[in-house]
Every structure is written in C-alpha cells, then in structure tokens.
PDB file of N, CA and C in Angstrom:
ATOM      1  N   MET A   1      -0.341 -36.909   2.386  1.00  0.00           N
ATOM      2  CA  MET A   1      -0.020 -36.933   0.973  1.00  0.00           C
ATOM      3  C   MET A   1      -0.485 -35.620   0.342  1.00  0.00           C
ATOM      4  N   THR A   2       0.369 -35.003  -0.425  1.00  0.00           N
ATOM      5  CA  THR A   2       0.023 -33.730  -1.046  1.00  0.00           C
ATOM      6  C   THR A   2      -0.269 -33.919  -2.526  1.00  0.00           C
ATOM      7  N   THR A   3      -1.168 -33.124  -2.981  1.00  0.00           N
ATOM      8  CA  THR A   3      -1.489 -33.160  -4.408  1.00  0.00           C
ATOM      9  C   THR A   3      -0.513 -32.259  -5.156  1.00  0.00           C
ATOM     10  N   PRO A   4      -0.399 -32.379  -6.472  1.00  0.00           N
ATOM     11  CA  PRO A   4       0.532 -31.521  -7.214  1.00  0.00           C
ATOM     12  C   PRO A   4       0.248 -30.034  -7.041  1.00  0.00           C
ATOM     13  N   SER A   5      -1.018 -29.636  -6.928  1.00  0.00           N
ATOM     14  CA  SER A   5      -1.323 -28.216  -6.773  1.00  0.00           C
ATOM     15  C   SER A   5      -0.891 -27.695  -5.406  1.00  0.00           C
ATOM     16  N   GLN A   6      -0.922 -28.556  -4.375  1.00  0.00           N
ATOM     17  CA  GLN A   6      -0.478 -28.128  -3.048  1.00  0.00           C
ATOM     18  C   GLN A   6       1.032 -27.973  -3.003  1.00  0.00           C
ATOM     19  N   SER A   7       1.768 -28.861  -3.648  1.00  0.00           N
ATOM     20  CA  SER A   7       3.219 -28.781  -3.605  1.00  0.00           C
ATOM     21  C   SER A   7       3.741 -27.599  -4.417  1.00  0.00           C
ATOM     22  N   GLN A   8       2.993 -27.116  -5.411  1.00  0.00           N
ATOM     23  CA  GLN A   8       3.427 -25.983  -6.213  1.00  0.00           C
ATOM     24  C   GLN A   8       3.233 -24.659  -5.477  1.00  0.00           C
ATOM     25  N   SER A   9       2.317 -24.588  -4.540  1.00  0.00           N
ATOM     26  CA  SER A   9       2.046 -23.328  -3.858  1.00  0.00           C
ATOM     27  C   SER A   9       2.776 -23.224  -2.519  1.00  0.00           C
ATOM     28  N   ARG A  10       3.816 -24.004  -2.315  1.00  0.00           N
ATOM     29  CA  ARG A  10       4.580 -23.944  -1.072  1.00  0.00           C
ATOM     30  C   ARG A  10       5.432 -22.681  -1.021  1.00  0.00           C
ATOM     31  N   LEU A  11       5.691 -22.216   0.183  1.00  0.00           N
ATOM     32  CA  LEU A  11       6.566 -21.067   0.372  1.00  0.00           C
ATOM     33  C   LEU A  11       8.013 -21.489   0.193  1.00  0.00           C
ATOM     34  N   LEU A  12       8.804 -20.612  -0.415  1.00  0.00           N
ATOM     35  CA  LEU A  12      10.232 -20.877  -0.536  1.00  0.00           C
ATOM     36  C   LEU A  12      10.894 -20.571   0.799  1.00  0.00           C
ATOM     37  N   ARG A  13      11.783 -21.417   1.215  1.00  0.00           N
ATOM     38  CA  ARG A  13      12.467 -21.240   2.496  1.00  0.00           C
ATOM     39  C   ARG A  13      13.911 -20.824   2.238  1.00  0.00           C
ATOM     40  N   GLU A  14      14.086 -19.591   1.805  1.00  0.00           N
ATOM     41  CA  GLU A  14      15.415 -19.065   1.520  1.00  0.00           C
ATOM     42  C   GLU A  14      15.422 -17.571   1.789  1.00  0.00           C
ATOM     43  N   LEU A  15      16.573 -17.050   2.153  1.00  0.00           N
ATOM     44  CA  LEU A  15      16.745 -15.622   2.394  1.00  0.00           C
ATOM     45  C   LEU A  15      17.871 -15.113   1.503  1.00  0.00           C
ATOM     46  N   ARG A  16      17.598 -14.037   0.800  1.00  0.00           N
ATOM     47  CA  ARG A  16      18.603 -13.408  -0.048  1.00  0.00           C
ATOM     48  C   ARG A  16      19.072 -12.116   0.602  1.00  0.00           C
ATOM     49  N   ALA A  17      19.987 -11.424  -0.046  1.00  0.00           N
ATOM     50  CA  ALA A  17      20.563 -10.200   0.527  1.00  0.00           C
ATOM     51  C   ALA A  17      19.488  -9.146   0.778  1.00  0.00           C
ATOM     52  N   TRP A  18      18.555  -8.974  -0.174  1.00  0.00           N
ATOM     53  CA  TRP A  18      17.493  -7.991   0.009  1.00  0.00           C
ATOM     54  C   TRP A  18      16.578  -8.369   1.170  1.00  0.00           C
ATOM     55  N   ASP A  19      16.342  -9.666   1.346  1.00  0.00           N
ATOM     56  CA  ASP A  19      15.499 -10.116   2.454  1.00  0.00           C
ATOM     57  C   ASP A  19      16.144  -9.774   3.794  1.00  0.00           C
ATOM     58  N   LEU A  20      17.438 -10.038   3.906  1.00  0.00           N
ATOM     59  CA  LEU A  20      18.151  -9.740   5.146  1.00  0.00           C
ATOM     60  C   LEU A  20      18.222  -8.237   5.399  1.00  0.00           C
ATOM     61  N   THR A  21      18.379  -7.459   4.333  1.00  0.00           N
ATOM     62  CA  THR A  21      18.382  -6.001   4.482  1.00  0.00           C
ATOM     63  C   THR A  21      17.029  -5.515   4.993  1.00  0.00           C
ATOM     64  N   ALA A  22      15.953  -6.048   4.428  1.00  0.00           N
ATOM     65  CA  ALA A  22      14.607  -5.659   4.873  1.00  0.00           C
ATOM     66  C   ALA A  22      14.372  -6.054   6.324  1.00  0.00           C
ATOM     67  N   ILE A  23      14.861  -7.214   6.731  1.00  0.00           N
ATOM     68  CA  ILE A  23      14.713  -7.634   8.128  1.00  0.00           C
ATOM     69  C   ILE A  23      15.468  -6.679   9.048  1.00  0.00           C
ATOM     70  N   GLY A  24      16.657  -6.250   8.641  1.00  0.00           N
ATOM     71  CA  GLY A  24      17.428  -5.303   9.444  1.00  0.00           C
ATOM     72  C   GLY A  24      16.743  -3.954   9.577  1.00  0.00           C
ATOM     73  N   ILE A  25      16.217  -3.443   8.460  1.00  0.00           N
ATOM     74  CA  ILE A  25      15.501  -2.156   8.488  1.00  0.00           C
ATOM     75  C   ILE A  25      14.253  -2.276   9.355  1.00  0.00           C
ATOM     76  N   ASN A  26      13.558  -3.387   9.233  1.00  0.00           N
ATOM     77  CA  ASN A  26      12.371  -3.616  10.061  1.00  0.00           C
ATOM     78  C   ASN A  26      12.733  -3.625  11.544  1.00  0.00           C
ATOM     79  N   GLY A  27      13.867  -4.201  11.886  1.00  0.00           N
ATOM     80  CA  GLY A  27      14.308  -4.221  13.282  1.00  0.00           C
ATOM     81  C   GLY A  27      14.591  -2.833  13.813  1.00  0.00           C
ATOM     82  N   VAL A  28      15.224  -2.001  12.985  1.00  0.00           N
ATOM     83  CA  VAL A  28      15.543  -0.637  13.417  1.00  0.00           C
ATOM     84  C   VAL A  28      14.265   0.177  13.589  1.00  0.00           C
ATOM     85  N   ILE A  29      13.372   0.099  12.603  1.00  0.00           N
ATOM     86  CA  ILE A  29      12.113   0.849  12.691  1.00  0.00           C
ATOM     87  C   ILE A  29      11.249   0.291  13.818  1.00  0.00           C
ATOM     88  N   GLY A  30      11.226  -1.022  13.962  1.00  0.00           N
ATOM     89  CA  GLY A  30      10.426  -1.650  15.013  1.00  0.00           C
ATOM     90  C   GLY A  30      10.913  -1.332  16.410  1.00  0.00           C
ATOM     91  N   ALA A  31      12.176  -0.948  16.543  1.00  0.00           N
ATOM     92  CA  ALA A  31      12.701  -0.592  17.865  1.00  0.00           C
ATOM     93  C   ALA A  31      12.064   0.697  18.378  1.00  0.00           C
ATOM     94  N   GLY A  32      11.446   1.458  17.504  1.00  0.00           N
ATOM     95  CA  GLY A  32      10.779   2.690  17.915  1.00  0.00           C
ATOM     96  C   GLY A  32       9.631   2.449  18.873  1.00  0.00           C
ATOM     97  N   ILE A  33       9.103   1.247  18.917  1.00  0.00           N
ATOM     98  CA  ILE A  33       8.000   0.943  19.828  1.00  0.00           C
ATOM     99  C   ILE A  33       8.430   1.090  21.287  1.00  0.00           C
ATOM    100  N   PHE A  34       9.732   1.004  21.544  1.00  0.00           N
ATOM    101  CA  PHE A  34      10.205   1.154  22.911  1.00  0.00           C
ATOM    102  C   PHE A  34      10.374   2.626  23.297  1.00  0.00           C
ATOM    103  N   ILE A  35      10.474   3.500  22.303  1.00  0.00           N
ATOM    104  CA  ILE A  35      10.633   4.934  22.561  1.00  0.00           C
ATOM    105  C   ILE A  35       9.297   5.658  22.483  1.00  0.00           C
ATOM    106  N   LEU A  36       8.410   5.184  21.624  1.00  0.00           N
ATOM    107  CA  LEU A  36       7.147   5.868  21.356  1.00  0.00           C
ATOM    108  C   LEU A  36       6.257   6.066  22.586  1.00  0.00           C
ATOM    109  N   PRO A  37       6.055   5.099  23.459  1.00  0.00           N
ATOM    110  CA  PRO A  37       5.153   5.325  24.600  1.00  0.00           C
ATOM    111  C   PRO A  37       5.573   6.488  25.495  1.00  0.00           C
ATOM    112  N   ALA A  38       6.860   6.628  25.727  1.00  0.00           N
ATOM    113  CA  ALA A  38       7.327   7.737  26.571  1.00  0.00           C
ATOM    114  C   ALA A  38       7.078   9.075  25.891  1.00  0.00           C
ATOM    115  N   THR A  39       7.317   9.129  24.592  1.00  0.00           N
ATOM    116  CA  THR A  39       7.104  10.373  23.848  1.00  0.00           C
ATOM    117  C   THR A  39       5.623  10.747  23.813  1.00  0.00           C
ATOM    118  N   VAL A  40       4.773   9.768  23.563  1.00  0.00           N
ATOM    119  CA  VAL A  40       3.329  10.026  23.527  1.00  0.00           C
ATOM    120  C   VAL A  40       2.831  10.468  24.891  1.00  0.00           C
ATOM    121  N   ALA A  41       3.281   9.811  25.947  1.00  0.00           N
ATOM    122  CA  ALA A  41       2.869  10.194  27.302  1.00  0.00           C
ATOM    123  C   ALA A  41       3.324  11.615  27.633  1.00  0.00           C
ATOM    124  N   GLN A  42       4.506  11.981  27.177  1.00  0.00           N
ATOM    125  CA  GLN A  42       5.012  13.328  27.436  1.00  0.00           C
ATOM    126  C   GLN A  42       4.197  14.378  26.676  1.00  0.00           C
ATOM    127  N   LEU A  43       3.835  14.071  25.439  1.00  0.00           N
ATOM    128  CA  LEU A  43       3.105  15.044  24.618  1.00  0.00           C
ATOM    129  C   LEU A  43       1.625  15.137  24.972  1.00  0.00           C
ATOM    130  N   LEU A  44       0.985  13.997  25.240  1.00  0.00           N
ATOM    131  CA  LEU A  44      -0.465  13.981  25.435  1.00  0.00           C
ATOM    132  C   LEU A  44      -0.899  13.889  26.895  1.00  0.00           C
ATOM    133  N   GLY A  45      -0.013  13.504  27.741  1.00  0.00           N
ATOM    134  CA  GLY A  45      -0.349  13.397  29.155  1.00  0.00           C
ATOM    135  C   GLY A  45      -1.383  12.313  29.415  1.00  0.00           C
ATOM    136  N   SER A  46      -2.478  12.680  30.080  1.00  0.00           N
ATOM    137  CA  SER A  46      -3.487  11.687  30.452  1.00  0.00           C
ATOM    138  C   SER A  46      -4.337  11.237  29.253  1.00  0.00           C
ATOM    139  N   ALA A  47      -4.229  11.906  28.118  1.00  0.00           N
ATOM    140  CA  ALA A  47      -4.979  11.499  26.924  1.00  0.00           C
ATOM    141  C   ALA A  47      -4.244  10.418  26.124  1.00  0.00           C
ATOM    142  N   ALA A  48      -3.052  10.025  26.549  1.00  0.00           N
ATOM    143  CA  ALA A  48      -2.264   9.031  25.813  1.00  0.00           C
ATOM    144  C   ALA A  48      -2.987   7.692  25.666  1.00  0.00           C
ATOM    145  N   PRO A  49      -3.627   7.148  26.731  1.00  0.00           N
ATOM    146  CA  PRO A  49      -4.335   5.880  26.532  1.00  0.00           C
ATOM    147  C   PRO A  49      -5.456   5.975  25.488  1.00  0.00           C
ATOM    148  N   LEU A  50      -6.148   7.110  25.453  1.00  0.00           N
ATOM    149  CA  LEU A  50      -7.190   7.306  24.446  1.00  0.00           C
ATOM    150  C   LEU A  50      -6.595   7.332  23.041  1.00  0.00           C
ATOM    151  N   ALA A  51      -5.443   7.961  22.890  1.00  0.00           N
ATOM    152  CA  ALA A  51      -4.769   8.004  21.588  1.00  0.00           C
ATOM    153  C   ALA A  51      -4.375   6.594  21.143  1.00  0.00           C
ATOM    154  N   TYR A  52      -3.918   5.768  22.085  1.00  0.00           N
ATOM    155  CA  TYR A  52      -3.552   4.386  21.733  1.00  0.00           C
ATOM    156  C   TYR A  52      -4.786   3.570  21.346  1.00  0.00           C
ATOM    157  N   LEU A  53      -5.898   3.803  22.007  1.00  0.00           N
ATOM    158  CA  LEU A  53      -7.125   3.095  21.629  1.00  0.00           C
ATOM    159  C   LEU A  53      -7.590   3.502  20.228  1.00  0.00           C
ATOM    160  N   LEU A  54      -7.514   4.779  19.927  1.00  0.00           N
ATOM    161  CA  LEU A  54      -7.874   5.255  18.599  1.00  0.00           C
ATOM    162  C   LEU A  54      -6.937   4.660  17.533  1.00  0.00           C
ATOM    163  N   ALA A  55      -5.654   4.626  17.835  1.00  0.00           N
ATOM    164  CA  ALA A  55      -4.690   4.029  16.904  1.00  0.00           C
ATOM    165  C   ALA A  55      -4.958   2.540  16.722  1.00  0.00           C
ATOM    166  N   ALA A  56      -5.361   1.852  17.782  1.00  0.00           N
ATOM    167  CA  ALA A  56      -5.670   0.423  17.678  1.00  0.00           C
ATOM    168  C   ALA A  56      -6.861   0.172  16.763  1.00  0.00           C
ATOM    169  N   VAL A  57      -7.856   1.043  16.828  1.00  0.00           N
ATOM    170  CA  VAL A  57      -9.024   0.908  15.952  1.00  0.00           C
ATOM    171  C   VAL A  57      -8.598   1.077  14.491  1.00  0.00           C
ATOM    172  N   VAL A  58      -7.765   2.074  14.221  1.00  0.00           N
ATOM    173  CA  VAL A  58      -7.293   2.315  12.855  1.00  0.00           C
ATOM    174  C   VAL A  58      -6.473   1.128  12.353  1.00  0.00           C
ATOM    175  N   VAL A  59      -5.606   0.588  13.188  1.00  0.00           N
ATOM    176  CA  VAL A  59      -4.779  -0.559  12.795  1.00  0.00           C
ATOM    177  C   VAL A  59      -5.654  -1.777  12.524  1.00  0.00           C
ATOM    178  N   CYS A  60      -6.690  -1.971  13.314  1.00  0.00           N
ATOM    179  CA  CYS A  60      -7.612  -3.095  13.068  1.00  0.00           C
ATOM    180  C   CYS A  60      -8.321  -2.946  11.734  1.00  0.00           C
ATOM    181  N   LEU A  61      -8.705  -1.725  11.369  1.00  0.00           N
ATOM    182  CA  LEU A  61      -9.340  -1.502  10.068  1.00  0.00           C
ATOM    183  C   LEU A  61      -8.377  -1.798   8.921  1.00  0.00           C
ATOM    184  N   VAL A  62      -7.120  -1.409   9.081  1.00  0.00           N
ATOM    185  CA  VAL A  62      -6.111  -1.713   8.059  1.00  0.00           C
ATOM    186  C   VAL A  62      -5.909  -3.222   7.953  1.00  0.00           C
ATOM    187  N   ALA A  63      -5.867  -3.909   9.095  1.00  0.00           N
ATOM    188  CA  ALA A  63      -5.708  -5.364   9.080  1.00  0.00           C
ATOM    189  C   ALA A  63      -6.886  -6.045   8.388  1.00  0.00           C
ATOM    190  N   LEU A  64      -8.085  -5.538   8.593  1.00  0.00           N
ATOM    191  CA  LEU A  64      -9.258  -6.094   7.908  1.00  0.00           C
ATOM    192  C   LEU A  64      -9.162  -5.887   6.401  1.00  0.00           C
ATOM    193  N   CYS A  65      -8.638  -4.757   5.982  1.00  0.00           N
ATOM    194  CA  CYS A  65      -8.441  -4.522   4.541  1.00  0.00           C
ATOM    195  C   CYS A  65      -7.439  -5.514   3.960  1.00  0.00           C
ATOM    196  N   PHE A  66      -6.349  -5.758   4.675  1.00  0.00           N
ATOM    197  CA  PHE A  66      -5.366  -6.744   4.216  1.00  0.00           C
ATOM    198  C   PHE A  66      -5.974  -8.130   4.155  1.00  0.00           C
ATOM    199  N   ALA A  67      -6.782  -8.472   5.146  1.00  0.00           N
ATOM    200  CA  ALA A  67      -7.411  -9.799   5.157  1.00  0.00           C
ATOM    201  C   ALA A  67      -8.377  -9.955   3.995  1.00  0.00           C
ATOM    202  N   ALA A  68      -9.153  -8.915   3.713  1.00  0.00           N
ATOM    203  CA  ALA A  68     -10.094  -8.980   2.593  1.00  0.00           C
ATOM    204  C   ALA A  68      -9.357  -9.089   1.264  1.00  0.00           C
ATOM    205  N   ALA A  69      -8.295  -8.319   1.108  1.00  0.00           N
ATOM    206  CA  ALA A  69      -7.530  -8.385  -0.139  1.00  0.00           C
ATOM    207  C   ALA A  69      -6.813  -9.726  -0.265  1.00  0.00           C
ATOM    208  N   GLY A  70      -6.280 -10.231   0.833  1.00  0.00           N
ATOM    209  CA  GLY A  70      -5.563 -11.499   0.795  1.00  0.00           C
ATOM    210  C   GLY A  70      -6.447 -12.690   0.510  1.00  0.00           C
ATOM    211  N   SER A  71      -7.717 -12.592   0.854  1.00  0.00           N
ATOM    212  CA  SER A  71      -8.618 -13.719   0.624  1.00  0.00           C
ATOM    213  C   SER A  71      -8.965 -13.896  -0.854  1.00  0.00           C
ATOM    214  N   SER A  72      -8.620 -12.912  -1.688  1.00  0.00           N
ATOM    215  CA  SER A  72      -8.926 -13.037  -3.110  1.00  0.00           C
ATOM    216  C   SER A  72      -7.821 -13.739  -3.890  1.00  0.00           C
ATOM    217  N   PHE A  73      -6.745 -14.142  -3.224  1.00  0.00           N
ATOM    218  CA  PHE A  73      -5.636 -14.825  -3.883  1.00  0.00           C
ATOM    219  C   PHE A  73      -5.475 -16.228  -3.316  1.00  0.00           C
ATOM    220  N   THR A  74      -5.115 -17.146  -4.187  1.00  0.00           N
ATOM    221  CA  THR A  74      -4.945 -18.535  -3.737  1.00  0.00           C
ATOM    222  C   THR A  74      -3.492 -18.881  -3.465  1.00  0.00           C
ATOM    223  N   SER A  75      -2.547 -18.070  -3.914  1.00  0.00           N
ATOM    224  CA  SER A  75      -1.139 -18.382  -3.705  1.00  0.00           C
ATOM    225  C   SER A  75      -0.540 -17.474  -2.639  1.00  0.00           C
ATOM    226  N   ALA A  76       0.622 -17.872  -2.129  1.00  0.00           N
ATOM    227  CA  ALA A  76       1.300 -17.098  -1.096  1.00  0.00           C
ATOM    228  C   ALA A  76       1.941 -15.867  -1.712  1.00  0.00           C
ATOM    229  N   GLY A  77       2.172 -14.849  -0.915  1.00  0.00           N
ATOM    230  CA  GLY A  77       2.852 -13.668  -1.406  1.00  0.00           C
ATOM    231  C   GLY A  77       2.447 -12.388  -0.723  1.00  0.00           C
ATOM    232  N   GLY A  78       1.352 -12.379   0.003  1.00  0.00           N
ATOM    233  CA  GLY A  78       0.924 -11.202   0.741  1.00  0.00           C
ATOM    234  C   GLY A  78       0.698  -9.997  -0.147  1.00  0.00           C
ATOM    235  N   PRO A  79       1.110  -8.811   0.327  1.00  0.00           N
ATOM    236  CA  PRO A  79       0.895  -7.597  -0.457  1.00  0.00           C
ATOM    237  C   PRO A  79       1.602  -7.633  -1.810  1.00  0.00           C
ATOM    238  N   TYR A  80       2.720  -8.357  -1.907  1.00  0.00           N
ATOM    239  CA  TYR A  80       3.448  -8.433  -3.166  1.00  0.00           C
ATOM    240  C   TYR A  80       2.650  -9.183  -4.223  1.00  0.00           C
ATOM    241  N   GLN A  81       1.796 -10.081  -3.802  1.00  0.00           N
ATOM    242  CA  GLN A  81       0.958 -10.821  -4.736  1.00  0.00           C
ATOM    243  C   GLN A  81      -0.137  -9.926  -5.299  1.00  0.00           C
ATOM    244  N   SER A  82      -0.671  -9.028  -4.482  1.00  0.00           N
ATOM    245  CA  SER A  82      -1.784  -8.193  -4.921  1.00  0.00           C
ATOM    246  C   SER A  82      -1.337  -6.908  -5.603  1.00  0.00           C
ATOM    247  N   LEU A  83      -0.109  -6.489  -5.385  1.00  0.00           N
ATOM    248  CA  LEU A  83       0.361  -5.219  -5.933  1.00  0.00           C
ATOM    249  C   LEU A  83       0.207  -5.122  -7.447  1.00  0.00           C
ATOM    250  N   PRO A  84       0.681  -6.083  -8.225  1.00  0.00           N
ATOM    251  CA  PRO A  84       0.529  -5.935  -9.682  1.00  0.00           C
ATOM    252  C   PRO A  84      -0.928  -5.826 -10.116  1.00  0.00           C
ATOM    253  N   LYS A  85      -1.798  -6.609  -9.506  1.00  0.00           N
ATOM    254  CA  LYS A  85      -3.209  -6.591  -9.903  1.00  0.00           C
ATOM    255  C   LYS A  85      -3.835  -5.221  -9.650  1.00  0.00           C
ATOM    256  N   TYR A  86      -3.707  -4.716  -8.439  1.00  0.00           N
ATOM    257  CA  TYR A  86      -4.347  -3.459  -8.083  1.00  0.00           C
ATOM    258  C   TYR A  86      -3.628  -2.257  -8.684  1.00  0.00           C
ATOM    259  N   LEU A  87      -2.306  -2.305  -8.744  1.00  0.00           N
ATOM    260  CA  LEU A  87      -1.548  -1.188  -9.294  1.00  0.00           C
ATOM    261  C   LEU A  87      -1.809  -1.037 -10.787  1.00  0.00           C
ATOM    262  N   LEU A  88      -1.832  -2.143 -11.515  1.00  0.00           N
ATOM    263  CA  LEU A  88      -2.104  -2.073 -12.946  1.00  0.00           C
ATOM    264  C   LEU A  88      -3.528  -1.574 -13.212  1.00  0.00           C
ATOM    265  N   ASN A  89      -4.480  -1.997 -12.384  1.00  0.00           N
ATOM    266  CA  ASN A  89      -5.845  -1.488 -12.535  1.00  0.00           C
ATOM    267  C   ASN A  89      -5.899   0.021 -12.286  1.00  0.00           C
ATOM    268  N   LEU A  90      -5.153   0.499 -11.294  1.00  0.00           N
ATOM    269  CA  LEU A  90      -5.117   1.926 -10.986  1.00  0.00           C
ATOM    270  C   LEU A  90      -4.504   2.706 -12.138  1.00  0.00           C
ATOM    271  N   ILE A  91      -3.394   2.219 -12.661  1.00  0.00           N
ATOM    272  CA  ILE A  91      -2.730   2.900 -13.780  1.00  0.00           C
ATOM    273  C   ILE A  91      -3.639   2.910 -15.003  1.00  0.00           C
ATOM    274  N   GLU A  92      -4.252   1.779 -15.284  1.00  0.00           N
ATOM    275  CA  GLU A  92      -5.133   1.683 -16.441  1.00  0.00           C
ATOM    276  C   GLU A  92      -6.316   2.653 -16.328  1.00  0.00           C
ATOM    277  N   SER A  93      -6.940   2.690 -15.161  1.00  0.00           N
ATOM    278  CA  SER A  93      -8.092   3.581 -15.001  1.00  0.00           C
ATOM    279  C   SER A  93      -7.664   5.043 -15.059  1.00  0.00           C
ATOM    280  N   SER A  94      -6.458   5.365 -14.569  1.00  0.00           N
ATOM    281  CA  SER A  94      -5.967   6.745 -14.653  1.00  0.00           C
ATOM    282  C   SER A  94      -5.727   7.151 -16.094  1.00  0.00           C
ATOM    283  N   ILE A  95      -5.175   6.248 -16.888  1.00  0.00           N
ATOM    284  CA  ILE A  95      -4.928   6.542 -18.300  1.00  0.00           C
ATOM    285  C   ILE A  95      -6.246   6.739 -19.037  1.00  0.00           C
ATOM    286  N   VAL A  96      -7.202   5.870 -18.766  1.00  0.00           N
ATOM    287  CA  VAL A  96      -8.501   5.976 -19.436  1.00  0.00           C
ATOM    288  C   VAL A  96      -9.187   7.286 -19.062  1.00  0.00           C
ATOM    289  N   ARG A  97      -9.145   7.668 -17.775  1.00  0.00           N
ATOM    290  CA  ARG A  97      -9.749   8.933 -17.358  1.00  0.00           C
ATOM    291  C   ARG A  97      -9.067  10.115 -18.035  1.00  0.00           C
ATOM    292  N   GLY A  98      -7.749  10.057 -18.131  1.00  0.00           N
ATOM    293  CA  GLY A  98      -7.007  11.127 -18.800  1.00  0.00           C
ATOM    294  C   GLY A  98      -7.355  11.233 -20.269  1.00  0.00           C
ATOM    295  N   MET A  99      -7.533  10.093 -20.913  1.00  0.00           N
ATOM    296  CA  MET A  99      -7.896  10.113 -22.330  1.00  0.00           C
ATOM    297  C   MET A  99      -9.294  10.677 -22.519  1.00  0.00           C
ATOM    298  N   ARG A 100     -10.193  10.380 -21.606  1.00  0.00           N
ATOM    299  CA  ARG A 100     -11.562  10.905 -21.718  1.00  0.00           C
ATOM    300  C   ARG A 100     -11.578  12.411 -21.539  1.00  0.00           C
ATOM    301  N   ARG A 101     -10.736  12.930 -20.658  1.00  0.00           N
ATOM    302  CA  ARG A 101     -10.717  14.367 -20.401  1.00  0.00           C
ATOM    303  C   ARG A 101     -10.145  15.144 -21.579  1.00  0.00           C
ATOM    304  N   THR A 102      -9.177  14.575 -22.272  1.00  0.00           N
ATOM    305  CA  THR A 102      -8.521  15.292 -23.354  1.00  0.00           C
ATOM    306  C   THR A 102      -9.151  15.027 -24.713  1.00  0.00           C
ATOM    307  N   LYS A 103     -10.125  14.172 -24.776  1.00  0.00           N
ATOM    308  CA  LYS A 103     -10.774  13.860 -26.053  1.00  0.00           C
ATOM    309  C   LYS A 103     -11.598  15.062 -26.504  1.00  0.00           C
ATOM    310  N   LYS A 104     -11.369  15.498 -27.736  1.00  0.00           N
ATOM    311  CA  LYS A 104     -12.065  16.669 -28.260  1.00  0.00           C
ATOM    312  C   LYS A 104     -13.239  16.232 -29.114  1.00  0.00           C
ATOM    313  N   THR A 105     -14.299  16.980 -28.991  1.00  0.00           N
ATOM    314  CA  THR A 105     -15.464  16.722 -29.831  1.00  0.00           C
ATOM    315  C   THR A 105     -15.277  17.462 -31.155  1.00  0.00           C
ATOM    316  N   PRO A 106     -16.016  17.093 -32.196  1.00  0.00           N
ATOM    317  CA  PRO A 106     -15.854  17.778 -33.490  1.00  0.00           C
ATOM    318  C   PRO A 106     -16.157  19.264 -33.437  1.00  0.00           C
ATOM    319  N   THR A 107     -16.916  19.744 -32.464  1.00  0.00           N
ATOM    320  CA  THR A 107     -17.260  21.169 -32.399  1.00  0.00           C
ATOM    321  C   THR A 107     -16.203  21.997 -31.686  1.00  0.00           C
ATOM    322  N   GLN A 108     -15.260  21.351 -30.998  1.00  0.00           N
ATOM    323  CA  GLN A 108     -14.218  22.090 -30.290  1.00  0.00           C
ATOM    324  C   GLN A 108     -13.118  22.485 -31.264  1.00  0.00           C
ATOM    325  N   LYS A 109     -12.567  23.678 -31.070  1.00  0.00           N
ATOM    326  CA  LYS A 109     -11.483  24.150 -31.926  1.00  0.00           C
ATOM    327  C   LYS A 109     -10.184  24.131 -31.136  1.00  0.00           C
ATOM    328  N   ASP A 110      -9.108  23.887 -31.853  1.00  0.00           N
ATOM    329  CA  ASP A 110      -7.804  23.920 -31.227  1.00  0.00           C
ATOM    330  C   ASP A 110      -7.230  25.322 -31.402  1.00  0.00           C
ATOM    331  N   HIS A 111      -6.995  26.017 -30.303  1.00  0.00           N
ATOM    332  CA  HIS A 111      -6.518  27.382 -30.361  1.00  0.00           C
ATOM    333  C   HIS A 111      -5.003  27.471 -30.257  1.00  0.00           C
ATOM    334  N   GLY A 112      -4.319  26.359 -30.375  1.00  0.00           N
ATOM    335  CA  GLY A 112      -2.852  26.356 -30.314  1.00  0.00           C
ATOM    336  C   GLY A 112      -2.359  26.382 -28.893  1.00  0.00           C
ATOM    337  N   PRO A 113      -1.054  26.621 -28.718  1.00  0.00           N
ATOM    338  CA  PRO A 113      -0.480  26.602 -27.367  1.00  0.00           C
ATOM    339  C   PRO A 113      -0.993  27.775 -26.528  1.00  0.00           C
ATOM    340  N   VAL A 114      -1.106  27.553 -25.250  1.00  0.00           N
ATOM    341  CA  VAL A 114      -1.575  28.574 -24.330  1.00  0.00           C
ATOM    342  C   VAL A 114      -0.391  29.443 -23.953  1.00  0.00           C
ATOM    343  N   LYS A 115      -0.562  30.767 -24.021  1.00  0.00           N
ATOM    344  CA  LYS A 115       0.505  31.691 -23.657  1.00  0.00           C
ATOM    345  C   LYS A 115       0.438  31.965 -22.166  1.00  0.00           C
ATOM    346  N   VAL A 116       1.587  31.900 -21.522  1.00  0.00           N
ATOM    347  CA  VAL A 116       1.661  32.125 -20.085  1.00  0.00           C
ATOM    348  C   VAL A 116       2.429  33.429 -19.847  1.00  0.00           C
ATOM    349  N   GLY A 117       1.961  34.215 -18.924  1.00  0.00           N
ATOM    350  CA  GLY A 117       2.673  35.437 -18.567  1.00  0.00           C
ATOM    351  C   GLY A 117       2.147  36.676 -19.260  1.00  0.00           C
ATOM    352  N   GLY A 118       1.128  36.563 -20.079  1.00  0.00           N
ATOM    353  CA  GLY A 118       0.497  37.716 -20.692  1.00  0.00           C
ATOM    354  C   GLY A 118       1.257  38.315 -21.861  1.00  0.00           C
ATOM    355  N   ARG A 119       2.256  37.685 -22.368  1.00  0.00           N
ATOM    356  CA  ARG A 119       3.035  38.247 -23.488  1.00  0.00           C
ATOM    357  C   ARG A 119       2.743  37.526 -24.760  1.00  0.00           C
TER     358      ARG A 119
END
C-alpha cells in the first residue's frame, strides 16, 4: 500500500521526441567506447592501462559528487532536479559579486568614459 506522498513522487513512464533524440545521440557517442581502446593503445603504448586506471579514479570522484548532490533531493530527476537550485545560486552570487566590485564609495570620483587608443 502506498501513501499519497509516495504515489506523487513516481517516475513518469513516457518517452517524447526529445527523449528519443537524446537516446539516439547517447548511442552514437557511447559507440566511441569500442574505438577508444585501440586509439589509446596506439598513442600511449604500454602506459595505456595506467591511463585507464587514472581515468577510472576521476570517474569515481565525479560519481561521488553526483551521489552527494543527489542525496539532497527527495524527488526523482537526477541532474535536472539540481540544476535550477545550483545554477540560480551561481548566478545570484555572480551578480552580487559584480555589484560589490562596481559599488563606489563617496570618496571615489567618476572620471567619465575611459578613452581607448590614446586619442
């Protein structure tokens, strides 16, 4: 038996045109995994396994970041759920920093537009 809050947070089981397009693009990009090992082996030679281990460590760190960010949300949505929250915070903090930099104190004088080119 599900409670009303559980039934509201269910995933939608539907695919739209954009979803199918994204799946197709993902398939094309994901097919590169079959070409990449040969290219890496050709370029790096015997250091290729070390490069893959280093890449695996980096990917694990990225996955941990996603897991930490995802644990702060109670509804489904993955990165799309967190994007508005973090992006709006980034934009807001950038605007505030910009306003602080351009704020003039009463002792500063405005010298008008800056001339470029020495003329």
